[in-house]
Amino acid sequence: MTTRKMMLLTLPAAAAAAAGLAACSSSGASSSPAASASSSSAASASPASSSGAAVAAANTVKTAQIGGATVLTSSKGFTLYSFAPDTPTTSKCNGTCAQSWPPVRGPVTAAGVTGTFATIKRSDGSAQATFDGHPLYTFAGDTSPGQANGNGLNAAGGVWHEITTSGTAAAGGSSPGPGSGGY
């Protein structure tokens, strides 16, 4: 419990650091404001082969054993999460939420993973990757590969789940939290 409280207290600092890094690393090629007040994001569940000028290495996801479950991870080994309030066509995590839970920009692919990768259009116009209808996120509270500190957290208006290769939350989860459960 003490670790969980410490993590929740350090989230604002981690979010600020992530926002600062994102601002510093912006290339200015096609920046669009992250104004996300509108939640009428018309989703275009497009296949993962849709065009995009994003870096190829960042668009590959992998799998890893974390807490006894096989979960999807970023190309750098960070656990990918879903947000319970999301729908297959709409992300409900915008603004400050997206600072703590950065959306995985899409499209993405993963070798050897059975399931459907697609994208949705976020309220800021960017493309977010989905897996089996779940928009994908990383968590600022995971500071190194192999962690799943966000699994089971009830934060930003809903419960967060690591994405297993079956597209659902792991039974029992690797870090149980209040309100954890399936979809």
C-alpha atoms as a PDB file:
ATOM      1  CA  MET A   1       0.000   0.000   0.000  1.00  0.00           C
ATOM      2  CA  THR A   2       2.805   2.437   0.839  1.00  0.00           C
ATOM      3  CA  THR A   3       4.370   1.897  -2.592  1.00  0.00           C
ATOM      4  CA  ARG A   4       1.044   2.612  -4.292  1.00  0.00           C
ATOM      5  CA  LYS A   5       0.616   5.872  -2.349  1.00  0.00           C
ATOM      6  CA  MET A   6       4.166   6.948  -3.196  1.00  0.00           C
ATOM      7  CA  MET A   7       3.513   6.193  -6.865  1.00  0.00           C
ATOM      8  CA  LEU A   8       0.319   8.236  -6.881  1.00  0.00           C
ATOM      9  CA  LEU A   9       2.119  11.132  -5.188  1.00  0.00           C
ATOM     10  CA  THR A  10       4.923  11.067  -7.755  1.00  0.00           C
ATOM     11  CA  LEU A  11       2.628  10.850 -10.800  1.00  0.00           C
ATOM     12  CA  PRO A  12       2.307  14.633 -11.251  1.00  0.00           C
ATOM     13  CA  ALA A  13       6.110  15.002 -11.288  1.00  0.00           C
ATOM     14  CA  ALA A  14       6.479  12.131 -13.758  1.00  0.00           C
ATOM     15  CA  ALA A  15       3.783  13.629 -15.979  1.00  0.00           C
ATOM     16  CA  ALA A  16       5.490  17.021 -15.929  1.00  0.00           C
ATOM     17  CA  ALA A  17       8.833  15.422 -16.801  1.00  0.00           C
ATOM     18  CA  ALA A  18       7.240  13.465 -19.657  1.00  0.00           C
ATOM     19  CA  ALA A  19       5.565  16.616 -20.973  1.00  0.00           C
ATOM     20  CA  GLY A  20       8.871  18.485 -20.792  1.00  0.00           C
ATOM     21  CA  LEU A  21      10.659  15.733 -22.674  1.00  0.00           C
ATOM     22  CA  ALA A  22       7.953  15.639 -25.314  1.00  0.00           C
ATOM     23  CA  ALA A  23       8.199  19.398 -25.792  1.00  0.00           C
ATOM     24  CA  CYS A  24      11.982  19.263 -26.085  1.00  0.00           C
ATOM     25  CA  SER A  25      11.997  16.385 -28.550  1.00  0.00           C
ATOM     26  CA  SER A  26       9.392  17.863 -30.888  1.00  0.00           C
ATOM     27  CA  SER A  27      10.728  18.108 -34.423  1.00  0.00           C
ATOM     28  CA  GLY A  28       8.114  20.621 -35.476  1.00  0.00           C
ATOM     29  CA  ALA A  29       7.397  18.629 -38.638  1.00  0.00           C
ATOM     30  CA  SER A  30       3.669  18.501 -38.113  1.00  0.00           C
ATOM     31  CA  SER A  31       2.753  19.631 -34.659  1.00  0.00           C
ATOM     32  CA  SER A  32      -0.879  19.970 -33.779  1.00  0.00           C
ATOM     33  CA  PRO A  33      -2.092  21.355 -30.481  1.00  0.00           C
ATOM     34  CA  ALA A  34      -3.148  18.754 -27.976  1.00  0.00           C
ATOM     35  CA  ALA A  35      -6.345  20.584 -27.206  1.00  0.00           C
ATOM     36  CA  SER A  36      -8.621  17.725 -26.375  1.00  0.00           C
ATOM     37  CA  ALA A  37     -11.721  19.291 -24.981  1.00  0.00           C
ATOM     38  CA  SER A  38     -13.959  17.729 -27.595  1.00  0.00           C
ATOM     39  CA  SER A  39     -14.730  14.073 -27.121  1.00  0.00           C
ATOM     40  CA  SER A  40     -16.443  13.667 -30.481  1.00  0.00           C
ATOM     41  CA  SER A  41     -13.482  11.867 -31.983  1.00  0.00           C
ATOM     42  CA  ALA A  42     -14.817  10.243 -35.080  1.00  0.00           C
ATOM     43  CA  ALA A  43     -13.093   6.918 -35.014  1.00  0.00           C
ATOM     44  CA  SER A  44     -11.702   5.416 -38.104  1.00  0.00           C
ATOM     45  CA  ALA A  45     -10.808   1.921 -37.085  1.00  0.00           C
ATOM     46  CA  SER A  46      -8.326   1.523 -39.855  1.00  0.00           C
ATOM     47  CA  PRO A  47      -6.053  -1.441 -40.334  1.00  0.00           C
ATOM     48  CA  ALA A  48      -2.497  -1.256 -39.063  1.00  0.00           C
ATOM     49  CA  SER A  49      -1.237  -0.904 -42.609  1.00  0.00           C
ATOM     50  CA  SER A  50      -2.595   2.641 -42.967  1.00  0.00           C
ATOM     51  CA  SER A  51      -0.056   5.274 -43.955  1.00  0.00           C
ATOM     52  CA  GLY A  52       1.948   7.220 -41.419  1.00  0.00           C
ATOM     53  CA  ALA A  53       5.301   8.930 -41.223  1.00  0.00           C
ATOM     54  CA  ALA A  54       6.101   7.731 -37.697  1.00  0.00           C
ATOM     55  CA  VAL A  55       9.341   5.980 -36.876  1.00  0.00           C
ATOM     56  CA  ALA A  56       9.064   2.267 -37.725  1.00  0.00           C
ATOM     57  CA  ALA A  57      10.830   1.012 -34.580  1.00  0.00           C
ATOM     58  CA  ALA A  58       8.354   2.879 -32.375  1.00  0.00           C
ATOM     59  CA  ASN A  59       5.477   1.232 -34.243  1.00  0.00           C
ATOM     60  CA  THR A  60       6.417  -2.313 -33.301  1.00  0.00           C
ATOM     61  CA  VAL A  61       5.061  -3.903 -30.155  1.00  0.00           C
ATOM     62  CA  LYS A  62       6.371  -7.032 -28.476  1.00  0.00           C
ATOM     63  CA  THR A  63       5.283  -9.470 -25.804  1.00  0.00           C
ATOM     64  CA  ALA A  64       6.853 -10.141 -22.424  1.00  0.00           C
ATOM     65  CA  GLN A  65       6.153 -12.164 -19.300  1.00  0.00           C
ATOM     66  CA  ILE A  66       5.273  -9.675 -16.558  1.00  0.00           C
ATOM     67  CA  GLY A  67       3.785 -10.782 -13.258  1.00  0.00           C
ATOM     68  CA  GLY A  68       2.964 -14.220 -14.633  1.00  0.00           C
ATOM     69  CA  ALA A  69       1.045 -12.938 -17.670  1.00  0.00           C
ATOM     70  CA  THR A  70       2.096 -12.559 -21.296  1.00  0.00           C
ATOM     71  CA  VAL A  71       1.449  -8.888 -22.028  1.00  0.00           C
ATOM     72  CA  LEU A  72       1.966  -6.535 -24.931  1.00  0.00           C
ATOM     73  CA  THR A  73       4.831  -4.086 -24.514  1.00  0.00           C
ATOM     74  CA  SER A  74       6.258  -1.164 -26.426  1.00  0.00           C
ATOM     75  CA  SER A  75       9.334  -1.744 -28.559  1.00  0.00           C
ATOM     76  CA  LYS A  76      11.341  -0.706 -25.474  1.00  0.00           C
ATOM     77  CA  GLY A  77       9.641  -3.282 -23.214  1.00  0.00           C
ATOM     78  CA  PHE A  78       7.185  -1.008 -21.392  1.00  0.00           C
ATOM     79  CA  THR A  79       3.793  -2.550 -20.560  1.00  0.00           C
ATOM     80  CA  LEU A  80       0.815  -1.477 -22.688  1.00  0.00           C
ATOM     81  CA  TYR A  81      -2.501  -0.726 -20.998  1.00  0.00           C
ATOM     82  CA  SER A  82      -6.178  -0.253 -21.779  1.00  0.00           C
ATOM     83  CA  PHE A  83      -8.576   2.154 -20.032  1.00  0.00           C
ATOM     84  CA  ALA A  84     -11.959   0.716 -18.978  1.00  0.00           C
ATOM     85  CA  PRO A  85     -14.048   3.805 -19.986  1.00  0.00           C
ATOM     86  CA  ASP A  86     -12.701   3.698 -23.577  1.00  0.00           C
ATOM     87  CA  THR A  87     -14.758   2.265 -26.403  1.00  0.00           C
ATOM     88  CA  PRO A  88     -13.390   0.515 -29.494  1.00  0.00           C
ATOM     89  CA  THR A  89     -13.740   3.815 -31.369  1.00  0.00           C
ATOM     90  CA  THR A  90     -13.040   6.501 -28.734  1.00  0.00           C
ATOM     91  CA  SER A  91     -10.289   7.270 -26.219  1.00  0.00           C
ATOM     92  CA  LYS A  92     -11.608   8.797 -23.003  1.00  0.00           C
ATOM     93  CA  CYS A  93      -8.067   9.687 -21.821  1.00  0.00           C
ATOM     94  CA  ASN A  94      -7.125  13.174 -23.025  1.00  0.00           C
ATOM     95  CA  GLY A  95      -5.390  16.258 -21.639  1.00  0.00           C
ATOM     96  CA  THR A  96      -3.707  15.656 -18.277  1.00  0.00           C
ATOM     97  CA  CYS A  97      -4.772  12.010 -18.356  1.00  0.00           C
ATOM     98  CA  ALA A  98      -2.748  11.501 -21.541  1.00  0.00           C
ATOM     99  CA  GLN A  99       0.312  12.978 -19.807  1.00  0.00           C
ATOM    100  CA  SER A 100       0.297  10.203 -17.201  1.00  0.00           C
ATOM    101  CA  TRP A 101      -0.986   7.593 -19.674  1.00  0.00           C
ATOM    102  CA  PRO A 102       0.610   8.452 -23.037  1.00  0.00           C
ATOM    103  CA  PRO A 103      -1.352   7.025 -25.974  1.00  0.00           C
ATOM    104  CA  VAL A 104       0.518   4.633 -28.258  1.00  0.00           C
ATOM    105  CA  ARG A 105       0.632   6.368 -31.624  1.00  0.00           C
ATOM    106  CA  GLY A 106      -0.493   4.128 -34.430  1.00  0.00           C
ATOM    107  CA  PRO A 107      -0.478   2.132 -36.468  1.00  0.00           C
ATOM    108  CA  VAL A 108       1.522  -0.672 -34.817  1.00  0.00           C
ATOM    109  CA  THR A 109       2.394  -4.270 -35.613  1.00  0.00           C
ATOM    110  CA  ALA A 110       3.599  -7.242 -33.596  1.00  0.00           C
ATOM    111  CA  ALA A 111       5.134 -10.412 -34.963  1.00  0.00           C
ATOM    112  CA  GLY A 112       3.500 -13.600 -33.731  1.00  0.00           C
ATOM    113  CA  VAL A 113       0.623 -11.915 -31.879  1.00  0.00           C
ATOM    114  CA  THR A 114      -2.862 -13.177 -32.676  1.00  0.00           C
ATOM    115  CA  GLY A 115      -5.357 -10.355 -32.633  1.00  0.00           C
ATOM    116  CA  THR A 116      -6.387  -7.273 -34.542  1.00  0.00           C
ATOM    117  CA  PHE A 117      -4.309  -4.121 -34.553  1.00  0.00           C
ATOM    118  CA  ALA A 118      -6.013  -0.966 -35.848  1.00  0.00           C
ATOM    119  CA  THR A 119      -6.126   2.764 -35.135  1.00  0.00           C
ATOM    120  CA  ILE A 120      -8.663   5.293 -33.932  1.00  0.00           C
ATOM    121  CA  LYS A 121      -8.649   9.032 -34.382  1.00  0.00           C
ATOM    122  CA  ARG A 122      -8.076  10.878 -31.097  1.00  0.00           C
ATOM    123  CA  SER A 123      -9.797  14.153 -30.227  1.00  0.00           C
ATOM    124  CA  ASP A 124      -6.582  16.014 -31.170  1.00  0.00           C
ATOM    125  CA  GLY A 125      -6.637  14.396 -34.626  1.00  0.00           C
ATOM    126  CA  SER A 126      -3.723  12.012 -34.040  1.00  0.00           C
ATOM    127  CA  ALA A 127      -3.912   8.266 -34.640  1.00  0.00           C
ATOM    128  CA  GLN A 128      -3.870   5.942 -31.624  1.00  0.00           C
ATOM    129  CA  ALA A 129      -3.112   2.240 -31.885  1.00  0.00           C
ATOM    130  CA  THR A 130      -5.674  -0.320 -30.726  1.00  0.00           C
ATOM    131  CA  PHE A 131      -5.505  -4.048 -30.066  1.00  0.00           C
ATOM    132  CA  ASP A 132      -8.702  -6.087 -30.323  1.00  0.00           C
ATOM    133  CA  GLY A 133     -10.744  -2.888 -29.920  1.00  0.00           C
ATOM    134  CA  HIS A 134      -8.799  -1.499 -26.938  1.00  0.00           C
ATOM    135  CA  PRO A 135      -6.946   1.817 -27.389  1.00  0.00           C
ATOM    136  CA  LEU A 136      -3.343   1.344 -26.176  1.00  0.00           C
ATOM    137  CA  TYR A 137      -1.380   3.404 -23.630  1.00  0.00           C
ATOM    138  CA  THR A 138       1.873   3.298 -21.696  1.00  0.00           C
ATOM    139  CA  PHE A 139       2.153   4.530 -18.083  1.00  0.00           C
ATOM    140  CA  ALA A 140       4.477   7.276 -16.819  1.00  0.00           C
ATOM    141  CA  GLY A 141       4.713   5.378 -13.513  1.00  0.00           C
ATOM    142  CA  ASP A 142       6.529   2.494 -15.231  1.00  0.00           C
ATOM    143  CA  THR A 143      10.109   3.709 -15.060  1.00  0.00           C
ATOM    144  CA  SER A 144      11.800   0.672 -16.575  1.00  0.00           C
ATOM    145  CA  PRO A 145      10.887  -2.215 -18.874  1.00  0.00           C
ATOM    146  CA  GLY A 146       9.067  -5.136 -17.270  1.00  0.00           C
ATOM    147  CA  GLN A 147       7.031  -3.097 -14.799  1.00  0.00           C
ATOM    148  CA  ALA A 148       3.228  -3.085 -14.663  1.00  0.00           C
ATOM    149  CA  ASN A 149       2.664  -0.449 -11.967  1.00  0.00           C
ATOM    150  CA  GLY A 150      -0.489   0.780 -13.676  1.00  0.00           C
ATOM    151  CA  ASN A 151      -2.302  -2.555 -13.787  1.00  0.00           C
ATOM    152  CA  GLY A 152      -5.491  -2.417 -11.738  1.00  0.00           C
ATOM    153  CA  LEU A 153      -5.132   1.284 -10.868  1.00  0.00           C
ATOM    154  CA  ASN A 154      -8.337   3.260 -10.641  1.00  0.00           C
ATOM    155  CA  ALA A 155      -7.180   6.645 -11.940  1.00  0.00           C
ATOM    156  CA  ALA A 156      -8.395   9.414 -14.262  1.00  0.00           C
ATOM    157  CA  GLY A 157     -11.984   8.182 -14.058  1.00  0.00           C
ATOM    158  CA  GLY A 158     -11.551   4.471 -14.606  1.00  0.00           C
ATOM    159  CA  VAL A 159      -9.558   1.291 -14.118  1.00  0.00           C
ATOM    160  CA  TRP A 160      -6.403   0.549 -16.127  1.00  0.00           C
ATOM    161  CA  HIS A 161      -5.487  -2.961 -17.275  1.00  0.00           C
ATOM    162  CA  GLU A 162      -2.356  -4.402 -18.813  1.00  0.00           C
ATOM    163  CA  ILE A 163      -3.077  -5.811 -22.263  1.00  0.00           C
ATOM    164  CA  THR A 164      -2.508  -9.533 -22.414  1.00  0.00           C
ATOM    165  CA  THR A 165      -1.981 -11.313 -25.707  1.00  0.00           C
ATOM    166  CA  SER A 166      -5.608 -12.432 -25.487  1.00  0.00           C
ATOM    167  CA  GLY A 167      -6.683  -8.767 -25.430  1.00  0.00           C
ATOM    168  CA  THR A 168      -8.053  -8.884 -21.900  1.00  0.00           C
ATOM    169  CA  ALA A 169      -6.886  -8.058 -18.413  1.00  0.00           C
ATOM    170  CA  ALA A 170      -4.867 -10.812 -16.788  1.00  0.00           C
ATOM    171  CA  ALA A 171      -6.750 -12.879 -14.218  1.00  0.00           C
ATOM    172  CA  GLY A 172      -5.594 -11.651 -10.844  1.00  0.00           C
ATOM    173  CA  GLY A 173      -3.366  -9.018 -12.458  1.00  0.00           C
ATOM    174  CA  SER A 174       0.231  -8.380 -11.541  1.00  0.00           C
ATOM    175  CA  SER A 175      -0.630  -5.503  -9.229  1.00  0.00           C
ATOM    176  CA  PRO A 176      -4.197  -5.760  -7.969  1.00  0.00           C
ATOM    177  CA  GLY A 177      -5.996  -2.542  -7.247  1.00  0.00           C
ATOM    178  CA  PRO A 178      -9.388  -1.282  -6.190  1.00  0.00           C
ATOM    179  CA  GLY A 179     -12.094  -1.925  -8.726  1.00  0.00           C
ATOM    180  CA  SER A 180      -9.953  -4.228 -10.822  1.00  0.00           C
ATOM    181  CA  GLY A 181     -11.703  -6.751 -12.954  1.00  0.00           C
ATOM    182  CA  GLY A 182     -12.494  -7.624 -16.521  1.00  0.00           C
ATOM    183  CA  TYR A 183     -14.007  -5.431 -19.157  1.00  0.00           C
END
